[in-house]
Amino acid sequence: MPTLTVNRRSVTVGDDATILEACRVAGVEVPTLCNFDGLEPWGGCRLCVVDMSLRTWDDDWFKMVTACNHPVEEGMTVVTNSDRVVATRGVVLDLLLARCPETPLIQRLAREHGIEETTYQRNPEPTDCILCGLCTRVCDHIGVSAIASVNRGWGREIAPPFNEPPPDCVGCLACAEICPTDHIKFSTSSTVRTIWGREFEMLRDPATGEAVITKAQAEHFAKRSGVPMSYFEMSDRSKRLKTAKTFEELQVVK
């Protein structure tokens, strides 16, 4: 288990830990927009940059890296608030504020770094999409891959193929729920859910009539996991009641 120094605080972490995880153990906050504990690190937003140095390097030799996907090493020194780190984060947030000038999350992070107004030209068509990639990565992670990053440069966006209702989408809402800015819109009723221009039939609990998940989502996970469809038709409350009843009927073996 390697021991390293984060802002002059000594911490010991697991062998496969990242610098970001070491910072958290040390109680040092490092901002990030594209990191999520359930997904592989990506290093896309560049907001979690830190300065790091190895004990075999010269004392004044530091390298700037993304903390979320850089592994720790024994004797490593990490500085999260050096002048160039703070300046780099400021540039990232300045650019994001130009792209998303009306997004509360970006406004807050920018203010925390002393930026009230962007120094770049504001996006004439403001968006809440910060291109963090969380939505596409979680969609890939669950084996659906209904949306992706398309185009390049200023025209880059997250979209389904040909900007048409995605045929592979199952209406699970994973993309919308993981989005840090609530950019992905959807609606859900007791019978229908709409997202990405598609409508999905909702499965309803046979016992309570409560809407549970979409039929397409249940079919996807039933096929992938081998769990029968009937399991997905039950709400969490019904599952708990069924489990409680099962325990009541169990006979205690003495």
C-alpha atoms as a PDB file:
ATOM      1  CA  MET A   1       0.000   0.000   0.000  1.00  0.00           C
ATOM      2  CA  PRO A   2       1.762   3.173  -1.204  1.00  0.00           C
ATOM      3  CA  THR A   3       2.185   6.225   0.976  1.00  0.00           C
ATOM      4  CA  LEU A   4       2.259   9.630  -0.665  1.00  0.00           C
ATOM      5  CA  THR A   5       1.965  13.293   0.235  1.00  0.00           C
ATOM      6  CA  VAL A   6      -1.008  15.429  -0.800  1.00  0.00           C
ATOM      7  CA  ASN A   7      -0.622  19.122  -0.035  1.00  0.00           C
ATOM      8  CA  ARG A   8       1.924  18.165   2.671  1.00  0.00           C
ATOM      9  CA  ARG A   9      -0.460  15.603   4.189  1.00  0.00           C
ATOM     10  CA  SER A  10       0.783  12.011   4.307  1.00  0.00           C
ATOM     11  CA  VAL A  11      -1.779   9.395   3.245  1.00  0.00           C
ATOM     12  CA  THR A  12      -1.686   5.661   2.595  1.00  0.00           C
ATOM     13  CA  VAL A  13      -4.010   4.183  -0.033  1.00  0.00           C
ATOM     14  CA  GLY A  14      -4.596   0.951  -1.914  1.00  0.00           C
ATOM     15  CA  ASP A  15      -2.225  -0.274  -4.589  1.00  0.00           C
ATOM     16  CA  ASP A  16      -4.702   0.450  -7.402  1.00  0.00           C
ATOM     17  CA  ALA A  17      -5.794   3.885  -6.121  1.00  0.00           C
ATOM     18  CA  THR A  18      -5.745   7.020  -8.251  1.00  0.00           C
ATOM     19  CA  ILE A  19      -4.493  10.440  -7.229  1.00  0.00           C
ATOM     20  CA  LEU A  20      -8.094  11.641  -6.974  1.00  0.00           C
ATOM     21  CA  GLU A  21      -8.891   8.885  -4.492  1.00  0.00           C
ATOM     22  CA  ALA A  22      -5.771   9.749  -2.499  1.00  0.00           C
ATOM     23  CA  CYS A  23      -6.872  13.398  -2.393  1.00  0.00           C
ATOM     24  CA  ARG A  24     -10.237  12.360  -0.998  1.00  0.00           C
ATOM     25  CA  VAL A  25      -8.559  10.244   1.681  1.00  0.00           C
ATOM     26  CA  ALA A  26      -6.461  13.287   2.579  1.00  0.00           C
ATOM     27  CA  GLY A  27      -9.602  15.423   2.816  1.00  0.00           C
ATOM     28  CA  VAL A  28      -8.519  17.586  -0.115  1.00  0.00           C
ATOM     29  CA  GLU A  29     -11.260  18.578  -2.551  1.00  0.00           C
ATOM     30  CA  VAL A  30     -10.399  18.332  -6.233  1.00  0.00           C
ATOM     31  CA  PRO A  31     -13.124  19.488  -8.653  1.00  0.00           C
ATOM     32  CA  THR A  32     -14.224  17.164 -11.429  1.00  0.00           C
ATOM     33  CA  LEU A  33     -17.087  17.073 -13.904  1.00  0.00           C
ATOM     34  CA  CYS A  34     -16.574  13.810 -15.770  1.00  0.00           C
ATOM     35  CA  ASN A  35     -15.740  11.428 -12.930  1.00  0.00           C
ATOM     36  CA  PHE A  36     -18.275   8.998 -11.497  1.00  0.00           C
ATOM     37  CA  ASP A  37     -17.395   6.253  -9.045  1.00  0.00           C
ATOM     38  CA  GLY A  38     -19.324   3.597 -10.968  1.00  0.00           C
ATOM     39  CA  LEU A  39     -17.519   4.216 -14.265  1.00  0.00           C
ATOM     40  CA  GLU A  40     -13.963   3.889 -15.496  1.00  0.00           C
ATOM     41  CA  PRO A  41     -11.990   7.164 -15.161  1.00  0.00           C
ATOM     42  CA  TRP A  42     -11.888   9.187 -18.362  1.00  0.00           C
ATOM     43  CA  GLY A  43      -9.966  12.404 -17.724  1.00  0.00           C
ATOM     44  CA  GLY A  44     -12.057  14.302 -20.242  1.00  0.00           C
ATOM     45  CA  CYS A  45     -13.067  17.495 -18.436  1.00  0.00           C
ATOM     46  CA  ARG A  46      -9.463  18.344 -17.391  1.00  0.00           C
ATOM     47  CA  LEU A  47     -10.766  20.061 -14.273  1.00  0.00           C
ATOM     48  CA  CYS A  48      -9.105  17.636 -11.844  1.00  0.00           C
ATOM     49  CA  VAL A  49      -5.549  18.490 -12.924  1.00  0.00           C
ATOM     50  CA  VAL A  50      -2.893  18.464 -10.188  1.00  0.00           C
ATOM     51  CA  ASP A  51       0.876  18.754 -10.010  1.00  0.00           C
ATOM     52  CA  MET A  52       2.710  15.542  -9.117  1.00  0.00           C
ATOM     53  CA  SER A  53       6.315  14.575  -8.579  1.00  0.00           C
ATOM     54  CA  LEU A  54       8.047  11.256  -7.916  1.00  0.00           C
ATOM     55  CA  ARG A  55      10.741  10.857  -5.305  1.00  0.00           C
ATOM     56  CA  THR A  56      13.295   9.956  -8.014  1.00  0.00           C
ATOM     57  CA  TRP A  57      12.784  13.346  -9.684  1.00  0.00           C
ATOM     58  CA  ASP A  58      14.487  16.644  -8.880  1.00  0.00           C
ATOM     59  CA  ASP A  59      12.805  18.530  -6.036  1.00  0.00           C
ATOM     60  CA  ASP A  60      11.493  21.288  -8.322  1.00  0.00           C
ATOM     61  CA  TRP A  61      10.338  18.984 -11.138  1.00  0.00           C
ATOM     62  CA  PHE A  62       6.547  18.562 -11.269  1.00  0.00           C
ATOM     63  CA  LYS A  63       4.254  17.243 -13.968  1.00  0.00           C
ATOM     64  CA  MET A  64       0.626  18.248 -14.423  1.00  0.00           C
ATOM     65  CA  VAL A  65      -1.717  15.245 -14.713  1.00  0.00           C
ATOM     66  CA  THR A  66      -5.414  14.458 -14.416  1.00  0.00           C
ATOM     67  CA  ALA A  67      -5.990  13.128 -10.919  1.00  0.00           C
ATOM     68  CA  CYS A  68      -8.940  10.871 -11.766  1.00  0.00           C
ATOM     69  CA  ASN A  69      -7.000   8.395 -13.894  1.00  0.00           C
ATOM     70  CA  HIS A  70      -3.379   8.741 -12.788  1.00  0.00           C
ATOM     71  CA  PRO A  71      -2.226   5.922 -10.468  1.00  0.00           C
ATOM     72  CA  VAL A  72      -0.434   6.671  -7.230  1.00  0.00           C
ATOM     73  CA  GLU A  73       3.129   5.576  -6.476  1.00  0.00           C
ATOM     74  CA  GLU A  74       5.125   5.174  -3.302  1.00  0.00           C
ATOM     75  CA  GLY A  75       6.706   8.461  -2.258  1.00  0.00           C
ATOM     76  CA  MET A  76       4.711  10.556  -4.743  1.00  0.00           C
ATOM     77  CA  THR A  77       4.150  14.228  -3.965  1.00  0.00           C
ATOM     78  CA  VAL A  78       0.883  15.842  -5.078  1.00  0.00           C
ATOM     79  CA  VAL A  79       0.038  19.540  -5.061  1.00  0.00           C
ATOM     80  CA  THR A  80      -3.545  20.447  -5.893  1.00  0.00           C
ATOM     81  CA  ASN A  81      -3.393  24.245  -5.528  1.00  0.00           C
ATOM     82  CA  SER A  82      -0.211  25.387  -7.259  1.00  0.00           C
ATOM     83  CA  ASP A  83      -0.430  28.585  -9.313  1.00  0.00           C
ATOM     84  CA  ARG A  84      -0.386  26.781 -12.642  1.00  0.00           C
ATOM     85  CA  VAL A  85      -2.971  24.225 -11.522  1.00  0.00           C
ATOM     86  CA  VAL A  86      -5.343  26.966 -10.390  1.00  0.00           C
ATOM     87  CA  ALA A  87      -4.702  28.893 -13.626  1.00  0.00           C
ATOM     88  CA  THR A  88      -5.371  25.812 -15.763  1.00  0.00           C
ATOM     89  CA  ARG A  89      -8.648  25.084 -14.008  1.00  0.00           C
ATOM     90  CA  GLY A  90      -9.574  28.715 -14.524  1.00  0.00           C
ATOM     91  CA  VAL A  91      -9.066  28.425 -18.279  1.00  0.00           C
ATOM     92  CA  VAL A  92     -11.204  25.272 -18.394  1.00  0.00           C
ATOM     93  CA  LEU A  93     -14.014  26.946 -16.469  1.00  0.00           C
ATOM     94  CA  ASP A  94     -13.699  30.138 -18.529  1.00  0.00           C
ATOM     95  CA  LEU A  95     -14.241  28.094 -21.694  1.00  0.00           C
ATOM     96  CA  LEU A  96     -17.106  26.153 -20.150  1.00  0.00           C
ATOM     97  CA  LEU A  97     -18.742  29.400 -19.032  1.00  0.00           C
ATOM     98  CA  ALA A  98     -18.556  30.645 -22.616  1.00  0.00           C
ATOM     99  CA  ARG A  99     -20.217  27.444 -23.843  1.00  0.00           C
ATOM    100  CA  CYS A 100     -22.759  27.181 -21.021  1.00  0.00           C
ATOM    101  CA  PRO A 101     -23.224  30.726 -19.666  1.00  0.00           C
ATOM    102  CA  GLU A 102     -26.632  29.974 -18.147  1.00  0.00           C
ATOM    103  CA  THR A 103     -25.780  26.650 -16.470  1.00  0.00           C
ATOM    104  CA  PRO A 104     -25.916  26.981 -12.638  1.00  0.00           C
ATOM    105  CA  LEU A 105     -23.263  24.307 -11.975  1.00  0.00           C
ATOM    106  CA  ILE A 106     -20.742  26.010 -14.260  1.00  0.00           C
ATOM    107  CA  GLN A 107     -21.589  29.437 -12.901  1.00  0.00           C
ATOM    108  CA  ARG A 108     -20.965  28.210  -9.346  1.00  0.00           C
ATOM    109  CA  LEU A 109     -17.655  26.509 -10.146  1.00  0.00           C
ATOM    110  CA  ALA A 110     -16.508  29.550 -12.106  1.00  0.00           C
ATOM    111  CA  ARG A 111     -17.310  31.887  -9.195  1.00  0.00           C
ATOM    112  CA  GLU A 112     -15.385  29.607  -6.843  1.00  0.00           C
ATOM    113  CA  HIS A 113     -12.377  30.204  -9.099  1.00  0.00           C
ATOM    114  CA  GLY A 114     -12.911  33.967  -9.243  1.00  0.00           C
ATOM    115  CA  ILE A 115     -14.605  34.044 -12.655  1.00  0.00           C
ATOM    116  CA  GLU A 116     -17.817  36.059 -12.857  1.00  0.00           C
ATOM    117  CA  GLU A 117     -17.936  36.509 -16.642  1.00  0.00           C
ATOM    118  CA  THR A 118     -16.239  34.586 -19.431  1.00  0.00           C
ATOM    119  CA  THR A 119     -13.406  36.306 -21.276  1.00  0.00           C
ATOM    120  CA  TYR A 120     -14.347  34.425 -24.453  1.00  0.00           C
ATOM    121  CA  GLN A 121     -17.224  34.992 -26.834  1.00  0.00           C
ATOM    122  CA  ARG A 122     -20.437  33.646 -25.315  1.00  0.00           C
ATOM    123  CA  ASN A 123     -22.188  30.823 -27.086  1.00  0.00           C
ATOM    124  CA  PRO A 124     -24.991  32.396 -29.155  1.00  0.00           C
ATOM    125  CA  GLU A 125     -27.028  29.255 -28.491  1.00  0.00           C
ATOM    126  CA  PRO A 126     -26.406  28.475 -24.789  1.00  0.00           C
ATOM    127  CA  THR A 127     -26.599  24.838 -23.745  1.00  0.00           C
ATOM    128  CA  ASP A 128     -26.451  22.912 -20.493  1.00  0.00           C
ATOM    129  CA  CYS A 129     -24.435  20.105 -22.109  1.00  0.00           C
ATOM    130  CA  ILE A 130     -20.851  20.349 -20.846  1.00  0.00           C
ATOM    131  CA  LEU A 131     -19.656  17.387 -22.967  1.00  0.00           C
ATOM    132  CA  CYS A 132     -18.543  15.495 -19.865  1.00  0.00           C
ATOM    133  CA  GLY A 133     -19.314  12.187 -21.574  1.00  0.00           C
ATOM    134  CA  LEU A 134     -20.991  10.660 -18.532  1.00  0.00           C
ATOM    135  CA  CYS A 135     -24.218   9.918 -20.409  1.00  0.00           C
ATOM    136  CA  THR A 136     -22.558   8.081 -23.304  1.00  0.00           C
ATOM    137  CA  ARG A 137     -20.237   6.164 -20.997  1.00  0.00           C
ATOM    138  CA  VAL A 138     -23.021   4.909 -18.722  1.00  0.00           C
ATOM    139  CA  CYS A 139     -25.074   3.979 -21.787  1.00  0.00           C
ATOM    140  CA  ASP A 140     -22.134   1.921 -23.064  1.00  0.00           C
ATOM    141  CA  HIS A 141     -21.582   0.470 -19.600  1.00  0.00           C
ATOM    142  CA  ILE A 142     -25.061  -1.069 -19.428  1.00  0.00           C
ATOM    143  CA  GLY A 143     -24.669  -2.498 -22.924  1.00  0.00           C
ATOM    144  CA  VAL A 144     -27.043  -0.239 -24.841  1.00  0.00           C
ATOM    145  CA  SER A 145     -24.865   2.368 -26.654  1.00  0.00           C
ATOM    146  CA  ALA A 146     -27.851   4.344 -27.910  1.00  0.00           C
ATOM    147  CA  ILE A 147     -26.139   7.763 -27.876  1.00  0.00           C
ATOM    148  CA  ALA A 148     -22.668   9.021 -28.676  1.00  0.00           C
ATOM    149  CA  SER A 149     -20.490  12.079 -29.120  1.00  0.00           C
ATOM    150  CA  VAL A 150     -20.839  13.368 -32.689  1.00  0.00           C
ATOM    151  CA  ASN A 151     -19.044  16.029 -34.753  1.00  0.00           C
ATOM    152  CA  ARG A 152     -15.907  17.881 -33.685  1.00  0.00           C
ATOM    153  CA  GLY A 153     -14.794  21.289 -32.472  1.00  0.00           C
ATOM    154  CA  TRP A 154     -17.477  23.855 -31.738  1.00  0.00           C
ATOM    155  CA  GLY A 155     -20.129  21.612 -33.336  1.00  0.00           C
ATOM    156  CA  ARG A 156     -19.547  18.659 -31.037  1.00  0.00           C
ATOM    157  CA  GLU A 157     -22.641  17.359 -29.266  1.00  0.00           C
ATOM    158  CA  ILE A 158     -24.207  14.308 -27.691  1.00  0.00           C
ATOM    159  CA  ALA A 159     -26.851  12.764 -29.885  1.00  0.00           C
ATOM    160  CA  PRO A 160     -28.408   9.524 -31.143  1.00  0.00           C
ATOM    161  CA  PRO A 161     -27.518   8.311 -34.663  1.00  0.00           C
ATOM    162  CA  PHE A 162     -28.525  10.860 -37.331  1.00  0.00           C
ATOM    163  CA  ASN A 163     -30.333  12.820 -34.587  1.00  0.00           C
ATOM    164  CA  GLU A 164     -33.272  10.461 -34.928  1.00  0.00           C
ATOM    165  CA  PRO A 165     -35.046   8.577 -32.109  1.00  0.00           C
ATOM    166  CA  PRO A 166     -32.420   5.954 -31.178  1.00  0.00           C
ATOM    167  CA  PRO A 167     -33.565   2.408 -31.984  1.00  0.00           C
ATOM    168  CA  ASP A 168     -31.330   0.891 -29.296  1.00  0.00           C
ATOM    169  CA  CYS A 169     -32.530   3.092 -26.437  1.00  0.00           C
ATOM    170  CA  VAL A 170     -34.471   1.248 -23.719  1.00  0.00           C
ATOM    171  CA  GLY A 171     -35.699   4.333 -21.854  1.00  0.00           C
ATOM    172  CA  CYS A 172     -33.826   3.450 -18.651  1.00  0.00           C
ATOM    173  CA  LEU A 173     -32.987   7.108 -17.819  1.00  0.00           C
ATOM    174  CA  ALA A 174     -29.397   6.220 -16.889  1.00  0.00           C
ATOM    175  CA  CYS A 175     -28.137   9.048 -19.107  1.00  0.00           C
ATOM    176  CA  ALA A 176     -30.533  11.613 -17.644  1.00  0.00           C
ATOM    177  CA  GLU A 177     -29.910  10.625 -14.038  1.00  0.00           C
ATOM    178  CA  ILE A 178     -26.121  10.760 -14.327  1.00  0.00           C
ATOM    179  CA  CYS A 179     -26.079  14.112 -16.163  1.00  0.00           C
ATOM    180  CA  PRO A 180     -24.639  16.711 -13.730  1.00  0.00           C
ATOM    181  CA  THR A 181     -26.517  19.617 -15.340  1.00  0.00           C
ATOM    182  CA  ASP A 182     -29.952  18.019 -15.974  1.00  0.00           C
ATOM    183  CA  HIS A 183     -29.505  18.654 -19.687  1.00  0.00           C
ATOM    184  CA  ILE A 184     -31.232  15.470 -20.877  1.00  0.00           C
ATOM    185  CA  LYS A 185     -34.977  15.974 -20.704  1.00  0.00           C
ATOM    186  CA  PHE A 186     -37.604  13.277 -20.292  1.00  0.00           C
ATOM    187  CA  SER A 187     -41.158  12.770 -19.097  1.00  0.00           C
ATOM    188  CA  THR A 188     -42.737   9.823 -17.323  1.00  0.00           C
ATOM    189  CA  SER A 189     -46.363   8.989 -16.612  1.00  0.00           C
ATOM    190  CA  SER A 190     -48.033   5.876 -15.269  1.00  0.00           C
ATOM    191  CA  THR A 191     -48.188   4.439 -18.771  1.00  0.00           C
ATOM    192  CA  VAL A 192     -45.590   6.143 -21.000  1.00  0.00           C
ATOM    193  CA  ARG A 193     -42.031   7.463 -20.747  1.00  0.00           C
ATOM    194  CA  THR A 194     -40.559   9.789 -23.391  1.00  0.00           C
ATOM    195  CA  ILE A 195     -36.847  10.438 -23.917  1.00  0.00           C
ATOM    196  CA  TRP A 196     -34.668  11.136 -26.980  1.00  0.00           C
ATOM    197  CA  GLY A 197     -37.832  11.495 -29.073  1.00  0.00           C
ATOM    198  CA  ARG A 198     -39.033   7.965 -28.317  1.00  0.00           C
ATOM    199  CA  GLU A 199     -42.013   6.751 -26.340  1.00  0.00           C
ATOM    200  CA  PHE A 200     -41.748   3.666 -24.147  1.00  0.00           C
ATOM    201  CA  GLU A 201     -44.467   1.563 -22.587  1.00  0.00           C
ATOM    202  CA  MET A 202     -44.188   1.410 -18.811  1.00  0.00           C
ATOM    203  CA  LEU A 203     -44.439  -1.874 -16.934  1.00  0.00           C
ATOM    204  CA  ARG A 204     -46.860  -1.656 -14.029  1.00  0.00           C
ATOM    205  CA  ASP A 205     -46.807  -3.642 -10.833  1.00  0.00           C
ATOM    206  CA  PRO A 206     -49.617  -6.237 -11.066  1.00  0.00           C
ATOM    207  CA  ALA A 207     -50.375  -5.825  -7.365  1.00  0.00           C
ATOM    208  CA  THR A 208     -50.344  -2.031  -6.994  1.00  0.00           C
ATOM    209  CA  GLY A 209     -50.591  -0.656 -10.542  1.00  0.00           C
ATOM    210  CA  GLU A 210     -47.472   1.415  -9.879  1.00  0.00           C
ATOM    211  CA  ALA A 211     -45.321   2.242 -12.915  1.00  0.00           C
ATOM    212  CA  VAL A 212     -41.966   0.497 -12.511  1.00  0.00           C
ATOM    213  CA  ILE A 213     -39.656   0.605 -15.554  1.00  0.00           C
ATOM    214  CA  THR A 214     -40.089   0.512 -19.299  1.00  0.00           C
ATOM    215  CA  LYS A 215     -40.925  -2.759 -20.999  1.00  0.00           C
ATOM    216  CA  ALA A 216     -37.882  -2.306 -23.269  1.00  0.00           C
ATOM    217  CA  GLN A 217     -35.620  -1.868 -20.251  1.00  0.00           C
ATOM    218  CA  ALA A 218     -36.991  -4.975 -18.566  1.00  0.00           C
ATOM    219  CA  GLU A 219     -36.517  -7.019 -21.733  1.00  0.00           C
ATOM    220  CA  HIS A 220     -32.934  -5.768 -22.094  1.00  0.00           C
ATOM    221  CA  PHE A 221     -31.882  -6.614 -18.545  1.00  0.00           C
ATOM    222  CA  ALA A 222     -33.817  -9.882 -18.477  1.00  0.00           C
ATOM    223  CA  LYS A 223     -31.969 -11.037 -21.582  1.00  0.00           C
ATOM    224  CA  ARG A 224     -28.632  -9.820 -20.274  1.00  0.00           C
ATOM    225  CA  SER A 225     -28.930 -11.212 -16.748  1.00  0.00           C
ATOM    226  CA  GLY A 226     -31.167 -14.223 -17.180  1.00  0.00           C
ATOM    227  CA  VAL A 227     -33.560 -12.857 -14.548  1.00  0.00           C
ATOM    228  CA  PRO A 228     -37.221 -13.532 -15.472  1.00  0.00           C
ATOM    229  CA  MET A 229     -39.344 -10.625 -16.705  1.00  0.00           C
ATOM    230  CA  SER A 230     -41.729 -11.083 -13.788  1.00  0.00           C
ATOM    231  CA  TYR A 231     -39.026  -9.785 -11.439  1.00  0.00           C
ATOM    232  CA  PHE A 232     -38.898  -6.428 -13.227  1.00  0.00           C
ATOM    233  CA  GLU A 233     -42.679  -6.022 -13.175  1.00  0.00           C
ATOM    234  CA  MET A 234     -42.693  -5.753  -9.371  1.00  0.00           C
ATOM    235  CA  SER A 235     -42.054  -2.434  -7.654  1.00  0.00           C
ATOM    236  CA  ASP A 236     -39.421  -2.191  -4.917  1.00  0.00           C
ATOM    237  CA  ARG A 237     -42.198  -2.025  -2.320  1.00  0.00           C
ATOM    238  CA  SER A 238     -43.805  -5.213  -3.607  1.00  0.00           C
ATOM    239  CA  LYS A 239     -40.433  -6.980  -3.609  1.00  0.00           C
ATOM    240  CA  ARG A 240     -39.857  -5.998   0.014  1.00  0.00           C
ATOM    241  CA  LEU A 241     -43.328  -7.204   1.021  1.00  0.00           C
ATOM    242  CA  LYS A 242     -42.800 -10.499  -0.789  1.00  0.00           C
ATOM    243  CA  THR A 243     -39.438 -10.988   0.915  1.00  0.00           C
ATOM    244  CA  ALA A 244     -40.944 -10.185   4.309  1.00  0.00           C
ATOM    245  CA  LYS A 245     -43.731 -12.694   3.739  1.00  0.00           C
ATOM    246  CA  THR A 246     -41.192 -15.338   2.722  1.00  0.00           C
ATOM    247  CA  PHE A 247     -39.285 -14.811   5.967  1.00  0.00           C
ATOM    248  CA  GLU A 248     -42.512 -15.071   7.949  1.00  0.00           C
ATOM    249  CA  GLU A 249     -43.227 -18.453   6.412  1.00  0.00           C
ATOM    250  CA  LEU A 250     -39.762 -19.812   7.050  1.00  0.00           C
ATOM    251  CA  GLN A 251     -39.582 -22.355   9.834  1.00  0.00           C
ATOM    252  CA  VAL A 252     -36.841 -21.945  12.363  1.00  0.00           C
ATOM    253  CA  VAL A 253     -34.600 -24.987  12.538  1.00  0.00           C
ATOM    254  CA  LYS A 254     -33.416 -25.671  16.085  1.00  0.00           C
END
